[in-house]
Amino acid sequence: MPQVSETIPEPLQPRVDAALSWFNASTEAAGEAFKVTGILDPDKVLSESDELHLILCGGVRCEQRSFKVVGTSQDWNVAFAESMPAPQAGKPQAELDPPPGVRSGWLDKALSQHAFVVLLFYRGFW
C-alpha cells in the first residue's frame, strides 16, 4: 500500500513546485489555486523514479494526481504520468480512518462554508 507523507523531502521540493505550477496553469485546475498536501511514496521517488504522485487540494476538492517531471531546476519538463502506483499483492488495503492530515484543512474549511458536509466511505476507502 502506498505511504502518504505530508512532508515533502527537500531534494524533491523543486520538482513538486514545478508540477504544482504546471497543474495550476492547466485547464484541469479549472481556475482554482491548488496546493500540495501530500506525496505518495517519497522514498521510492527519491531512489528510482521521475514520477510524482501528489495529493492536491484546492477550492472544494482534493485529488491524487501523478506527474512525470524531468529536467533541471532551470528547465523542468512536466506532464501527466500515465501510470498510477500499483497496489501491492492485489487489492490495496482499506483504511478504517481517513489518511492523517492529508485533507484535515480541507474538511475544516468546508465545514465553515456549509451547513453540513457529506463524506463518502466505501468499503474502507476514503
N, C-alpha and C. Protein backbone atom coordinates (compact mmCIF):
# COMPACT_ATOMS: atom_id res chain seq x y z
N MET A 1 0.84 -1.17 0.00
CA MET A 1 0.00 0.00 0.00
C MET A 1 0.89 1.24 0.00
N PRO A 2 0.60 2.21 -0.86
CA PRO A 2 1.41 3.43 -0.88
C PRO A 2 1.38 4.16 0.45
N GLN A 3 2.50 4.73 0.81
CA GLN A 3 2.60 5.52 2.03
C GLN A 3 2.44 6.99 1.68
N VAL A 4 1.54 7.68 2.40
CA VAL A 4 1.30 9.10 2.17
C VAL A 4 2.08 9.89 3.20
N SER A 5 2.85 10.86 2.73
CA SER A 5 3.61 11.73 3.62
C SER A 5 3.14 13.17 3.41
N GLU A 6 2.95 13.87 4.50
CA GLU A 6 2.57 15.29 4.42
C GLU A 6 3.78 16.17 4.18
N THR A 7 4.97 15.66 4.49
CA THR A 7 6.21 16.42 4.37
C THR A 7 6.90 16.07 3.05
N ILE A 8 7.21 17.08 2.27
CA ILE A 8 7.92 16.88 1.01
C ILE A 8 9.42 16.89 1.31
N PRO A 9 10.14 15.81 0.95
CA PRO A 9 11.60 15.81 1.17
C PRO A 9 12.26 16.96 0.41
N GLU A 10 13.23 17.58 1.02
CA GLU A 10 13.92 18.74 0.45
C GLU A 10 14.42 18.52 -0.98
N PRO A 11 15.04 17.35 -1.30
CA PRO A 11 15.50 17.17 -2.69
C PRO A 11 14.37 17.12 -3.72
N LEU A 12 13.15 16.79 -3.30
CA LEU A 12 12.02 16.72 -4.22
C LEU A 12 11.27 18.04 -4.36
N GLN A 13 11.52 18.98 -3.48
CA GLN A 13 10.73 20.22 -3.46
C GLN A 13 10.73 20.97 -4.79
N PRO A 14 11.87 21.12 -5.49
CA PRO A 14 11.82 21.82 -6.79
C PRO A 14 10.94 21.11 -7.82
N ARG A 15 10.99 19.77 -7.85
CA ARG A 15 10.14 19.01 -8.78
C ARG A 15 8.67 19.13 -8.41
N VAL A 16 8.37 19.09 -7.12
CA VAL A 16 6.99 19.24 -6.65
C VAL A 16 6.46 20.63 -7.00
N ASP A 17 7.28 21.65 -6.77
CA ASP A 17 6.87 23.02 -7.11
C ASP A 17 6.60 23.17 -8.60
N ALA A 18 7.45 22.55 -9.43
CA ALA A 18 7.26 22.61 -10.88
C ALA A 18 5.96 21.92 -11.28
N ALA A 19 5.68 20.76 -10.70
CA ALA A 19 4.44 20.04 -11.02
C ALA A 19 3.22 20.84 -10.57
N LEU A 20 3.29 21.43 -9.39
CA LEU A 20 2.17 22.22 -8.88
C LEU A 20 1.91 23.45 -9.76
N SER A 21 2.95 24.17 -10.14
CA SER A 21 2.80 25.34 -11.01
C SER A 21 2.20 24.94 -12.35
N TRP A 22 2.69 23.84 -12.90
CA TRP A 22 2.18 23.36 -14.18
C TRP A 22 0.71 22.99 -14.07
N PHE A 23 0.33 22.27 -13.00
CA PHE A 23 -1.06 21.86 -12.82
C PHE A 23 -1.97 23.08 -12.64
N ASN A 24 -1.54 24.04 -11.81
CA ASN A 24 -2.37 25.23 -11.57
C ASN A 24 -2.58 26.05 -12.85
N ALA A 25 -1.65 25.97 -13.79
CA ALA A 25 -1.79 26.70 -15.06
C ALA A 25 -2.60 25.90 -16.08
N SER A 26 -2.87 24.62 -15.79
CA SER A 26 -3.59 23.78 -16.75
C SER A 26 -5.10 23.96 -16.63
N THR A 27 -5.82 23.46 -17.62
CA THR A 27 -7.28 23.51 -17.58
C THR A 27 -7.85 22.57 -16.52
N GLU A 28 -7.08 21.57 -16.11
CA GLU A 28 -7.53 20.63 -15.08
C GLU A 28 -7.79 21.32 -13.75
N ALA A 29 -7.08 22.41 -13.48
CA ALA A 29 -7.26 23.14 -12.22
C ALA A 29 -8.55 23.95 -12.21
N ALA A 30 -9.10 24.21 -13.38
CA ALA A 30 -10.37 24.94 -13.53
C ALA A 30 -10.36 26.27 -12.78
N GLY A 31 -9.23 26.98 -12.84
CA GLY A 31 -9.15 28.30 -12.22
C GLY A 31 -8.90 28.30 -10.73
N GLU A 32 -8.86 27.15 -10.10
CA GLU A 32 -8.59 27.06 -8.66
C GLU A 32 -7.07 27.08 -8.43
N ALA A 33 -6.67 27.59 -7.27
CA ALA A 33 -5.26 27.56 -6.87
C ALA A 33 -5.07 26.37 -5.95
N PHE A 34 -4.45 25.32 -6.45
CA PHE A 34 -4.22 24.11 -5.67
C PHE A 34 -2.93 24.23 -4.88
N LYS A 35 -2.84 23.45 -3.81
CA LYS A 35 -1.59 23.32 -3.06
C LYS A 35 -1.35 21.84 -2.80
N VAL A 36 -0.11 21.49 -2.58
CA VAL A 36 0.26 20.10 -2.32
C VAL A 36 0.08 19.83 -0.83
N THR A 37 -0.72 18.81 -0.51
CA THR A 37 -0.93 18.45 0.89
C THR A 37 -0.34 17.10 1.23
N GLY A 38 0.22 16.40 0.23
CA GLY A 38 0.84 15.12 0.49
C GLY A 38 1.51 14.56 -0.74
N ILE A 39 2.37 13.57 -0.50
CA ILE A 39 3.08 12.88 -1.58
C ILE A 39 3.05 11.40 -1.27
N LEU A 40 2.84 10.58 -2.28
CA LEU A 40 2.83 9.13 -2.12
C LEU A 40 4.23 8.58 -2.33
N ASP A 41 4.66 7.72 -1.43
CA ASP A 41 5.94 7.02 -1.51
C ASP A 41 7.14 7.91 -1.86
N PRO A 42 7.42 8.93 -1.03
CA PRO A 42 8.54 9.84 -1.36
C PRO A 42 9.89 9.13 -1.39
N ASP A 43 10.10 8.11 -0.55
CA ASP A 43 11.39 7.41 -0.56
C ASP A 43 11.63 6.69 -1.88
N LYS A 44 10.57 6.13 -2.44
CA LYS A 44 10.68 5.44 -3.72
C LYS A 44 11.01 6.45 -4.83
N VAL A 45 10.40 7.62 -4.79
CA VAL A 45 10.66 8.65 -5.80
C VAL A 45 12.11 9.11 -5.71
N LEU A 46 12.61 9.29 -4.49
CA LEU A 46 13.99 9.73 -4.29
C LEU A 46 14.99 8.74 -4.89
N SER A 47 14.67 7.46 -4.81
CA SER A 47 15.66 6.47 -5.23
C SER A 47 15.55 6.03 -6.68
N GLU A 48 14.35 6.12 -7.30
CA GLU A 48 14.28 5.47 -8.60
C GLU A 48 13.30 6.03 -9.62
N SER A 49 12.60 7.10 -9.37
CA SER A 49 11.51 7.45 -10.28
C SER A 49 11.48 8.93 -10.66
N ASP A 50 11.01 9.17 -11.87
CA ASP A 50 10.74 10.54 -12.32
C ASP A 50 9.29 10.91 -12.09
N GLU A 51 8.48 9.95 -11.62
CA GLU A 51 7.06 10.20 -11.40
C GLU A 51 6.80 10.66 -9.98
N LEU A 52 5.95 11.67 -9.87
CA LEU A 52 5.50 12.16 -8.57
C LEU A 52 4.01 11.87 -8.45
N HIS A 53 3.61 11.31 -7.34
CA HIS A 53 2.20 11.06 -7.06
C HIS A 53 1.83 11.99 -5.91
N LEU A 54 1.10 13.07 -6.23
CA LEU A 54 0.84 14.13 -5.26
C LEU A 54 -0.64 14.19 -4.90
N ILE A 55 -0.92 14.59 -3.66
CA ILE A 55 -2.26 14.91 -3.23
C ILE A 55 -2.39 16.43 -3.34
N LEU A 56 -3.32 16.88 -4.18
CA LEU A 56 -3.53 18.31 -4.41
C LEU A 56 -4.90 18.71 -3.89
N CYS A 57 -4.95 19.82 -3.18
CA CYS A 57 -6.22 20.34 -2.68
C CYS A 57 -6.37 21.79 -3.11
N GLY A 58 -7.57 22.12 -3.55
CA GLY A 58 -7.88 23.49 -3.96
C GLY A 58 -9.38 23.66 -4.06
N GLY A 59 -9.86 24.80 -3.63
CA GLY A 59 -11.30 25.04 -3.66
C GLY A 59 -12.02 24.05 -2.78
N VAL A 60 -12.93 23.29 -3.35
CA VAL A 60 -13.70 22.31 -2.58
C VAL A 60 -13.35 20.88 -2.97
N ARG A 61 -12.18 20.67 -3.58
CA ARG A 61 -11.82 19.30 -3.97
C ARG A 61 -10.36 18.99 -3.65
N CYS A 62 -10.13 17.73 -3.35
CA CYS A 62 -8.80 17.18 -3.18
C CYS A 62 -8.70 15.97 -4.09
N GLU A 63 -7.58 15.81 -4.75
CA GLU A 63 -7.42 14.67 -5.64
C GLU A 63 -5.97 14.26 -5.72
N GLN A 64 -5.76 12.99 -6.06
CA GLN A 64 -4.42 12.48 -6.25
C GLN A 64 -4.12 12.57 -7.74
N ARG A 65 -3.01 13.20 -8.09
CA ARG A 65 -2.57 13.34 -9.48
C ARG A 65 -1.14 12.86 -9.60
N SER A 66 -0.83 12.26 -10.73
CA SER A 66 0.51 11.75 -10.99
C SER A 66 1.15 12.54 -12.12
N PHE A 67 2.42 12.92 -11.91
CA PHE A 67 3.15 13.74 -12.87
C PHE A 67 4.48 13.09 -13.19
N LYS A 68 4.94 13.29 -14.40
CA LYS A 68 6.30 12.92 -14.79
C LYS A 68 7.06 14.23 -14.90
N VAL A 69 8.09 14.38 -14.08
CA VAL A 69 8.86 15.63 -14.03
C VAL A 69 10.32 15.29 -14.29
N VAL A 70 10.84 15.80 -15.40
CA VAL A 70 12.25 15.56 -15.77
C VAL A 70 12.90 16.89 -16.11
N GLY A 71 14.21 16.91 -16.05
CA GLY A 71 14.95 18.12 -16.40
C GLY A 71 15.74 18.64 -15.22
N THR A 72 16.00 19.94 -15.27
CA THR A 72 16.75 20.61 -14.21
C THR A 72 15.92 21.75 -13.65
N SER A 73 16.39 22.34 -12.57
CA SER A 73 15.62 23.41 -11.93
C SER A 73 15.44 24.63 -12.84
N GLN A 74 16.29 24.77 -13.87
CA GLN A 74 16.14 25.88 -14.80
C GLN A 74 15.15 25.54 -15.92
N ASP A 75 14.96 24.26 -16.19
CA ASP A 75 14.13 23.86 -17.32
C ASP A 75 13.43 22.53 -17.05
N TRP A 76 12.33 22.57 -16.29
CA TRP A 76 11.56 21.37 -15.98
C TRP A 76 10.63 21.04 -17.13
N ASN A 77 10.49 19.76 -17.41
CA ASN A 77 9.50 19.27 -18.37
C ASN A 77 8.48 18.47 -17.57
N VAL A 78 7.25 18.97 -17.51
CA VAL A 78 6.21 18.36 -16.68
C VAL A 78 5.07 17.88 -17.57
N ALA A 79 4.56 16.68 -17.26
CA ALA A 79 3.39 16.13 -17.96
C ALA A 79 2.67 15.20 -17.00
N PHE A 80 1.41 14.90 -17.31
CA PHE A 80 0.71 13.91 -16.50
C PHE A 80 1.34 12.55 -16.76
N ALA A 81 1.53 11.78 -15.69
CA ALA A 81 2.05 10.43 -15.82
C ALA A 81 0.92 9.51 -16.25
N GLU A 82 1.25 8.50 -17.00
CA GLU A 82 0.23 7.59 -17.47
C GLU A 82 -0.08 6.49 -16.49
N SER A 83 0.75 6.30 -15.50
CA SER A 83 0.52 5.20 -14.57
C SER A 83 0.17 5.70 -13.18
N MET A 84 -0.53 4.87 -12.47
CA MET A 84 -0.85 5.11 -11.07
C MET A 84 0.00 4.15 -10.26
N PRO A 85 0.25 4.45 -8.96
CA PRO A 85 1.00 3.49 -8.17
C PRO A 85 0.26 2.17 -8.11
N ALA A 86 0.97 1.09 -8.36
CA ALA A 86 0.35 -0.23 -8.37
C ALA A 86 0.07 -0.71 -6.95
N PRO A 87 -1.12 -1.26 -6.72
CA PRO A 87 -1.39 -1.82 -5.41
C PRO A 87 -0.51 -3.04 -5.17
N GLN A 88 -0.13 -3.26 -3.95
CA GLN A 88 0.71 -4.39 -3.61
C GLN A 88 -0.16 -5.60 -3.31
N ALA A 89 0.21 -6.74 -3.88
CA ALA A 89 -0.46 -8.01 -3.64
C ALA A 89 -1.97 -7.91 -3.87
N GLY A 90 -2.36 -7.51 -5.07
CA GLY A 90 -3.78 -7.47 -5.38
C GLY A 90 -4.43 -6.15 -5.02
N LYS A 91 -5.44 -6.22 -4.16
CA LYS A 91 -6.20 -5.03 -3.80
C LYS A 91 -5.47 -4.22 -2.74
N PRO A 92 -5.59 -2.88 -2.80
CA PRO A 92 -4.99 -2.07 -1.74
C PRO A 92 -5.72 -2.28 -0.41
N GLN A 93 -5.01 -2.11 0.65
CA GLN A 93 -5.58 -2.29 1.98
C GLN A 93 -6.54 -1.14 2.30
N ALA A 94 -7.70 -1.49 2.81
CA ALA A 94 -8.68 -0.47 3.21
C ALA A 94 -8.23 0.15 4.53
N GLU A 95 -8.58 1.41 4.73
CA GLU A 95 -8.26 2.09 5.98
C GLU A 95 -9.54 2.42 6.71
N LEU A 96 -9.53 2.21 8.02
CA LEU A 96 -10.71 2.49 8.81
C LEU A 96 -10.88 3.98 9.05
N ASP A 97 -9.81 4.71 9.04
CA ASP A 97 -9.85 6.15 9.26
C ASP A 97 -9.28 6.84 8.03
N PRO A 98 -9.67 8.10 7.80
CA PRO A 98 -9.07 8.81 6.67
C PRO A 98 -7.58 9.00 6.89
N PRO A 99 -6.80 9.13 5.83
CA PRO A 99 -5.37 9.35 6.00
C PRO A 99 -5.11 10.57 6.88
N PRO A 100 -4.19 10.46 7.83
CA PRO A 100 -3.96 11.56 8.77
C PRO A 100 -3.45 12.81 8.09
N GLY A 101 -4.18 13.90 8.30
CA GLY A 101 -3.71 15.21 7.88
C GLY A 101 -3.84 15.58 6.42
N VAL A 102 -3.96 14.62 5.53
CA VAL A 102 -3.94 14.94 4.11
C VAL A 102 -5.08 15.87 3.74
N ARG A 103 -6.25 15.67 4.33
CA ARG A 103 -7.39 16.51 4.00
C ARG A 103 -7.95 17.25 5.21
N SER A 104 -7.23 17.28 6.30
CA SER A 104 -7.78 17.89 7.52
C SER A 104 -8.10 19.37 7.35
N GLY A 105 -7.24 20.11 6.68
CA GLY A 105 -7.51 21.53 6.45
C GLY A 105 -8.70 21.73 5.53
N TRP A 106 -8.83 20.85 4.54
CA TRP A 106 -9.96 20.94 3.62
C TRP A 106 -11.28 20.75 4.36
N LEU A 107 -11.34 19.76 5.24
CA LEU A 107 -12.58 19.48 5.96
C LEU A 107 -12.96 20.64 6.87
N ASP A 108 -12.02 21.20 7.59
CA ASP A 108 -12.31 22.36 8.44
C ASP A 108 -12.84 23.52 7.61
N LYS A 109 -12.23 23.77 6.45
CA LYS A 109 -12.67 24.86 5.59
C LYS A 109 -14.07 24.60 5.04
N ALA A 110 -14.32 23.36 4.61
CA ALA A 110 -15.64 23.01 4.06
C ALA A 110 -16.72 23.13 5.13
N LEU A 111 -16.43 22.72 6.35
CA LEU A 111 -17.42 22.81 7.43
C LEU A 111 -17.76 24.26 7.77
N SER A 112 -16.79 25.15 7.63
CA SER A 112 -17.07 26.56 7.93
C SER A 112 -17.89 27.23 6.82
N GLN A 113 -17.90 26.64 5.62
CA GLN A 113 -18.61 27.24 4.49
C GLN A 113 -20.01 26.67 4.25
N HIS A 114 -20.30 25.51 4.83
CA HIS A 114 -21.56 24.83 4.53
C HIS A 114 -22.25 24.38 5.82
N ALA A 115 -23.54 24.18 5.74
CA ALA A 115 -24.31 23.72 6.90
C ALA A 115 -23.94 22.28 7.27
N PHE A 116 -23.61 21.46 6.27
CA PHE A 116 -23.16 20.09 6.53
C PHE A 116 -22.27 19.65 5.37
N VAL A 117 -21.49 18.60 5.61
CA VAL A 117 -20.61 18.05 4.60
C VAL A 117 -20.82 16.55 4.58
N VAL A 118 -20.94 15.97 3.41
CA VAL A 118 -21.12 14.53 3.26
C VAL A 118 -19.76 13.93 2.90
N LEU A 119 -19.31 12.98 3.70
CA LEU A 119 -18.09 12.24 3.43
C LEU A 119 -18.48 10.84 2.97
N LEU A 120 -17.91 10.38 1.88
CA LEU A 120 -18.23 9.07 1.34
C LEU A 120 -17.20 8.06 1.83
N PHE A 121 -17.67 7.01 2.45
CA PHE A 121 -16.82 5.93 2.91
C PHE A 121 -17.33 4.67 2.22
N TYR A 122 -16.50 4.10 1.35
CA TYR A 122 -16.93 2.94 0.57
C TYR A 122 -15.97 1.78 0.76
N ARG A 123 -16.42 0.75 1.41
CA ARG A 123 -15.63 -0.46 1.63
C ARG A 123 -14.24 -0.18 2.20
N GLY A 124 -14.16 0.76 3.09
CA GLY A 124 -12.89 1.04 3.74
C GLY A 124 -12.01 2.04 3.03
N PHE A 125 -12.46 2.62 1.91
CA PHE A 125 -11.64 3.57 1.17
C PHE A 125 -12.22 4.96 1.35
N TRP A 126 -11.39 5.90 1.70
CA TRP A 126 -11.82 7.30 1.87
C TRP A 126 -11.57 8.03 0.60
